[in-house]
Amino acid sequence: MSRIGKQPVLLREGVKATLDGRELVIEKGGRKLSQWIDPAISVAIEGETVVFARASDDVRTRALHGLYRALAQNMVTGLLKGYQKTLKIVGVGYGARPAGKTLELNVGYANPVRVEIPEGLTVEVPDASTIVVKGHDKHRVGQLAADIRRARPPEPYKGKGIRYSDEVVRRKAGKTVGASGS
C-alpha cells in the first residue's frame, strides 16, 4: 500500500469535503477547489477525514493512489494557509509593475512583456525587482510563477533574468579576452 495514499486527509478549521460523482470538492468559506478522481481510486468521506483506496496493485493505480491523496492535501492546505512563490528580477534596468489585471515586465526587450493575472490569484510587487504570487491553488500559483519566469529565464553568464527566490543559477566562466592561441 502507498505510504502517502493510505494516510487520511484531515479536514480542520471549517473545511468541508463533498463528492459529486468523480469530482472531489473541498471548500472553506466562499472558496472552493475541485479535483477529478480517476475511477481506479475510491474516495470515502468519513466525518472529518477523506480516505483514498485503490482497487488493484498495478503500477499506474499505485501511482494514482498517492497522487490524488497529495492533491487533496494540497487543496486543504491551500484553503487554510494559501501558497506563495517569490521571484527575483536581476539585471540593470529590469523591473516589474502591476497594471490592473496584468503584470508588466521590463526585462530587456524593446517593449514590456505583459502577463495576464488569472482570477483567484494575486500578484504583489513590493519593489521593482521582487514579485510575489499568492493563491489557494498550488498548481495555479506555480504555473503563473513559471509563466512569469519564462519571460526572461536567468542566463548563466551574467545571471540576468527572472528567477525563483530560492533558485541558484550556476554561472559559467565565458571566454577569456585576449588569450593567445599559440
Protein backbone atom coordinates (compact mmCIF):
# COMPACT_ATOMS: atom_id res chain seq x y z
CA MET A 1 0.00 0.00 0.00
CA SER A 2 1.19 3.51 -0.77
CA ARG A 3 2.67 5.19 2.27
CA ILE A 4 1.27 8.53 1.15
CA GLY A 5 -2.04 7.20 -0.19
CA LYS A 6 -3.01 5.29 2.94
CA GLN A 7 -2.82 8.38 5.18
CA PRO A 8 -6.18 10.14 5.63
CA VAL A 9 -6.57 13.83 4.75
CA LEU A 10 -7.70 15.69 7.87
CA LEU A 11 -10.34 18.40 7.43
CA ARG A 12 -9.80 21.11 10.05
CA GLU A 13 -10.99 24.62 10.84
CA GLY A 14 -14.25 24.59 8.90
CA VAL A 15 -13.01 22.84 5.75
CA LYS A 16 -15.70 20.67 4.15
CA ALA A 17 -15.38 17.95 1.53
CA THR A 18 -18.06 16.58 -0.80
CA LEU A 19 -18.00 14.03 -3.58
CA ASP A 20 -20.02 14.88 -6.71
CA GLY A 21 -19.71 11.83 -8.96
CA ARG A 22 -15.95 11.59 -9.64
CA GLU A 23 -15.32 15.21 -8.59
CA LEU A 24 -13.86 15.82 -5.10
CA VAL A 25 -14.85 19.32 -3.93
CA ILE A 26 -13.13 20.89 -0.92
CA GLU A 27 -14.41 24.24 0.34
CA LYS A 28 -13.96 26.71 3.16
CA GLY A 29 -15.88 29.95 3.43
CA GLY A 30 -16.61 31.16 -0.08
CA ARG A 31 -13.58 29.47 -1.63
CA LYS A 32 -13.92 26.15 -3.41
CA LEU A 33 -11.35 23.85 -5.06
CA SER A 34 -12.19 20.70 -7.01
CA GLN A 35 -10.29 17.73 -8.44
CA TRP A 36 -11.47 14.95 -10.74
CA ILE A 37 -10.64 11.48 -9.33
CA ASP A 38 -9.74 8.54 -11.58
CA PRO A 39 -12.21 5.59 -11.38
CA ALA A 40 -9.36 3.30 -10.22
CA ILE A 41 -9.30 5.21 -6.91
CA SER A 42 -12.20 5.19 -4.48
CA VAL A 43 -12.84 8.10 -2.12
CA ALA A 44 -14.65 7.92 1.21
CA ILE A 45 -15.51 10.95 3.33
CA GLU A 46 -15.66 9.78 6.93
CA GLY A 47 -16.52 12.60 9.34
CA GLU A 48 -13.51 14.93 9.43
CA THR A 49 -11.29 12.83 7.15
CA VAL A 50 -11.06 11.90 3.48
CA VAL A 51 -9.73 8.39 2.81
CA PHE A 52 -8.43 7.11 -0.53
CA ALA A 53 -8.29 3.42 -1.53
CA ARG A 54 -7.33 1.60 -4.71
CA ALA A 55 -8.88 -1.36 -6.46
CA SER A 56 -5.74 -3.09 -7.75
CA ASP A 57 -1.99 -3.15 -7.24
CA ASP A 58 -0.79 -2.37 -10.75
CA VAL A 59 1.85 0.33 -11.16
CA ARG A 60 -0.47 3.01 -12.56
CA THR A 61 -3.08 2.59 -9.82
CA ARG A 62 -0.43 2.66 -7.08
CA ALA A 63 0.92 5.92 -8.50
CA LEU A 64 -2.57 7.46 -8.73
CA HIS A 65 -3.32 6.45 -5.13
CA GLY A 66 -0.58 8.66 -3.69
CA LEU A 67 -1.15 11.38 -6.28
CA TYR A 68 -4.82 12.01 -5.50
CA ARG A 69 -4.22 11.90 -1.76
CA ALA A 70 -1.43 14.50 -2.15
CA LEU A 71 -3.62 16.70 -4.38
CA ALA A 72 -6.42 16.60 -1.79
CA GLN A 73 -3.98 17.50 0.99
CA ASN A 74 -2.67 20.42 -1.11
CA MET A 75 -6.24 21.68 -1.58
CA VAL A 76 -6.87 21.61 2.19
CA THR A 77 -3.55 23.34 2.92
CA GLY A 78 -4.24 25.94 0.24
CA LEU A 79 -7.62 26.81 1.73
CA LEU A 80 -6.18 27.03 5.25
CA LYS A 81 -2.85 28.80 4.63
CA GLY A 82 -2.54 29.56 0.92
CA TYR A 83 0.52 29.25 -1.27
CA GLN A 84 3.02 31.79 -2.50
CA LYS A 85 6.01 31.90 -4.85
CA THR A 86 8.56 34.70 -4.80
CA LEU A 87 10.53 35.67 -7.90
CA LYS A 88 13.56 37.97 -8.16
CA ILE A 89 14.43 40.06 -11.19
CA VAL A 90 18.18 40.52 -11.75
CA GLY A 91 19.55 42.97 -14.32
CA VAL A 92 20.25 46.65 -14.80
CA GLY A 93 17.04 48.42 -15.84
CA TYR A 94 14.94 45.27 -15.34
CA GLY A 95 11.78 45.60 -13.29
CA ALA A 96 8.10 44.80 -12.85
CA ARG A 97 4.98 46.74 -12.05
CA PRO A 98 1.33 45.75 -11.77
CA ALA A 99 -1.04 47.28 -14.32
CA GLY A 100 -4.61 46.32 -13.44
CA LYS A 101 -5.20 42.64 -14.27
CA THR A 102 -1.77 42.31 -15.88
CA LEU A 103 1.83 42.35 -14.74
CA GLU A 104 4.16 44.49 -16.84
CA LEU A 105 7.75 43.23 -17.05
CA ASN A 106 10.63 45.33 -18.37
CA VAL A 107 13.27 42.67 -18.95
CA GLY A 108 15.48 43.92 -21.77
CA TYR A 109 13.12 43.71 -24.74
CA ALA A 110 12.07 46.68 -26.88
CA ASN A 111 8.54 46.53 -25.45
CA PRO A 112 7.35 45.49 -21.99
CA VAL A 113 6.16 41.90 -21.59
CA ARG A 114 2.61 41.68 -20.22
CA VAL A 115 1.49 38.62 -18.24
CA GLU A 116 -2.24 38.21 -17.50
CA ILE A 117 -3.11 37.56 -13.84
CA PRO A 118 -5.79 34.83 -13.65
CA GLU A 119 -8.88 35.18 -11.47
CA GLY A 120 -8.27 33.90 -7.93
CA LEU A 121 -4.55 34.74 -7.84
CA THR A 122 -2.91 37.89 -6.55
CA VAL A 123 0.44 39.34 -7.59
CA GLU A 124 2.28 41.76 -5.33
CA VAL A 125 5.32 43.81 -6.35
CA PRO A 126 6.91 45.08 -3.09
CA ASP A 127 9.79 46.59 -5.10
CA ALA A 128 10.68 46.65 -8.79
CA SER A 129 12.90 43.55 -8.52
CA THR A 130 10.59 41.28 -6.46
CA ILE A 131 7.34 39.59 -7.49
CA VAL A 132 5.16 37.61 -5.07
CA VAL A 133 2.44 35.33 -6.49
CA LYS A 134 -0.23 34.24 -3.97
CA GLY A 135 -3.29 32.00 -4.14
CA HIS A 136 -5.13 28.98 -2.75
CA ASP A 137 -4.50 26.56 -5.63
CA LYS A 138 -0.91 25.26 -5.55
CA HIS A 139 -0.93 24.30 -9.22
CA ARG A 140 -2.16 27.68 -10.46
CA VAL A 141 0.31 29.60 -8.25
CA GLY A 142 3.21 27.54 -9.59
CA GLN A 143 2.00 27.85 -13.19
CA LEU A 144 1.72 31.65 -13.03
CA ALA A 145 5.19 31.89 -11.45
CA ALA A 146 6.57 29.69 -14.26
CA ASP A 147 4.84 31.86 -16.89
CA ILE A 148 6.40 34.99 -15.39
CA ARG A 149 9.84 33.34 -15.24
CA ARG A 150 9.51 32.24 -18.88
CA ALA A 151 9.51 35.91 -19.99
CA ARG A 152 13.29 36.05 -19.32
CA PRO A 153 14.85 32.94 -17.71
CA PRO A 154 18.19 33.53 -15.95
CA GLU A 155 21.19 33.21 -18.23
CA PRO A 156 24.38 31.51 -16.98
CA TYR A 157 26.99 34.13 -17.93
CA LYS A 158 25.86 37.32 -16.18
CA GLY A 159 22.96 35.84 -14.19
CA LYS A 160 20.45 38.32 -15.61
CA GLY A 161 16.78 37.36 -15.82
CA ILE A 162 13.85 36.29 -13.64
CA ARG A 163 14.50 33.55 -11.09
CA TYR A 164 12.75 32.00 -8.12
CA SER A 165 13.94 33.49 -4.83
CA ASP A 166 15.47 30.17 -3.73
CA GLU A 167 16.88 29.25 -7.17
CA VAL A 168 20.64 29.03 -7.57
CA VAL A 169 21.90 29.98 -11.03
CA ARG A 170 25.17 28.22 -11.88
CA ARG A 171 27.45 30.72 -13.52
CA LYS A 172 29.77 29.91 -16.43
CA ALA A 173 33.19 31.48 -16.91
CA GLY A 174 32.74 32.59 -20.51
CA LYS A 175 35.54 33.34 -22.94
CA THR A 176 38.80 34.90 -21.81
CA VAL A 177 39.52 38.16 -23.65
CA GLY A 178 42.94 38.45 -25.27
CA ALA A 179 44.02 34.85 -24.79
CA SER A 180 46.67 33.77 -27.23
CA GLY A 181 46.19 30.52 -29.09
CA SER A 182 49.99 29.86 -29.61
